[in-house]
Amino acid sequence: LAYFVSQVMGTSQLRLL
């Protein structure tokens, strides 16, 4: 679960940038 959350958060940050 933590891995999935990390992937989502990482993707969100990239999209924001």
PDB file of N, CA and C in Angstrom:
ATOM      1  N   LEU A   1       0.851  -1.216   0.000  1.00  0.00           N
ATOM      2  CA  LEU A   1       0.000   0.000   0.000  1.00  0.00           C
ATOM      3  C   LEU A   1       0.876   1.253   0.000  1.00  0.00           C
ATOM      4  N   ALA A   2       1.901   1.255   0.822  1.00  0.00           N
ATOM      5  CA  ALA A   2       2.789   2.424   0.893  1.00  0.00           C
ATOM      6  C   ALA A   2       3.440   2.680  -0.467  1.00  0.00           C
ATOM      7  N   TYR A   3       3.792   1.589  -1.169  1.00  0.00           N
ATOM      8  CA  TYR A   3       4.436   1.732  -2.480  1.00  0.00           C
ATOM      9  C   TYR A   3       3.486   2.420  -3.460  1.00  0.00           C
ATOM     10  N   PHE A   4       2.223   1.984  -3.440  1.00  0.00           N
ATOM     11  CA  PHE A   4       1.222   2.567  -4.345  1.00  0.00           C
ATOM     12  C   PHE A   4       1.045   4.055  -4.058  1.00  0.00           C
ATOM     13  N   VAL A   5       0.958   4.399  -2.765  1.00  0.00           N
ATOM     14  CA  VAL A   5       0.781   5.800  -2.366  1.00  0.00           C
ATOM     15  C   VAL A   5       1.975   6.625  -2.836  1.00  0.00           C
ATOM     16  N   SER A   6       3.168   6.058  -2.696  1.00  0.00           N
ATOM     17  CA  SER A   6       4.383   6.780  -3.101  1.00  0.00           C
ATOM     18  C   SER A   6       4.341   7.048  -4.606  1.00  0.00           C
ATOM     19  N   GLN A   7       3.893   6.055  -5.371  1.00  0.00           N
ATOM     20  CA  GLN A   7       3.822   6.221  -6.822  1.00  0.00           C
ATOM     21  C   GLN A   7       2.827   7.335  -7.176  1.00  0.00           C
ATOM     22  N   VAL A   8       1.679   7.347  -6.539  1.00  0.00           N
ATOM     23  CA  VAL A   8       0.654   8.353  -6.827  1.00  0.00           C
ATOM     24  C   VAL A   8       1.160   9.747  -6.455  1.00  0.00           C
ATOM     25  N   MET A   9       1.750   9.872  -5.284  1.00  0.00           N
ATOM     26  CA  MET A   9       2.249  11.181  -4.839  1.00  0.00           C
ATOM     27  C   MET A   9       3.362  11.659  -5.760  1.00  0.00           C
ATOM     28  N   GLY A  10       4.245  10.762  -6.153  1.00  0.00           N
ATOM     29  CA  GLY A  10       5.354  11.125  -7.038  1.00  0.00           C
ATOM     30  C   GLY A  10       4.815  11.615  -8.372  1.00  0.00           C
ATOM     31  N   THR A  11       3.814  10.918  -8.893  1.00  0.00           N
ATOM     32  CA  THR A  11       3.235  11.308 -10.180  1.00  0.00           C
ATOM     33  C   THR A  11       2.553  12.661 -10.056  1.00  0.00           C
ATOM     34  N   SER A  12       1.855  12.878  -8.948  1.00  0.00           N
ATOM     35  CA  SER A  12       1.139  14.143  -8.743  1.00  0.00           C
ATOM     36  C   SER A  12       2.126  15.299  -8.719  1.00  0.00           C
ATOM     37  N   GLN A  13       3.257  15.109  -8.040  1.00  0.00           N
ATOM     38  CA  GLN A  13       4.258  16.170  -7.956  1.00  0.00           C
ATOM     39  C   GLN A  13       4.802  16.478  -9.352  1.00  0.00           C
ATOM     40  N   LEU A  14       5.049  15.439 -10.145  1.00  0.00           N
ATOM     41  CA  LEU A  14       5.591  15.649 -11.491  1.00  0.00           C
ATOM     42  C   LEU A  14       4.577  16.406 -12.344  1.00  0.00           C
ATOM     43  N   ARG A  15       3.294  16.048 -12.192  1.00  0.00           N
ATOM     44  CA  ARG A  15       2.260  16.718 -12.986  1.00  0.00           C
ATOM     45  C   ARG A  15       2.157  18.192 -12.594  1.00  0.00           C
ATOM     46  N   LEU A  16       2.313  18.479 -11.289  1.00  0.00           N
ATOM     47  CA  LEU A  16       2.217  19.870 -10.828  1.00  0.00           C
ATOM     48  C   LEU A  16       3.362  20.690 -11.414  1.00  0.00           C
ATOM     49  N   LEU A  17       4.543  20.070 -11.495  1.00  0.00           N
ATOM     50  CA  LEU A  17       5.695  20.792 -12.023  1.00  0.00           C
ATOM     51  C   LEU A  17       5.559  20.912 -13.548  1.00  0.00           C
TER      52      LEU A  17
END
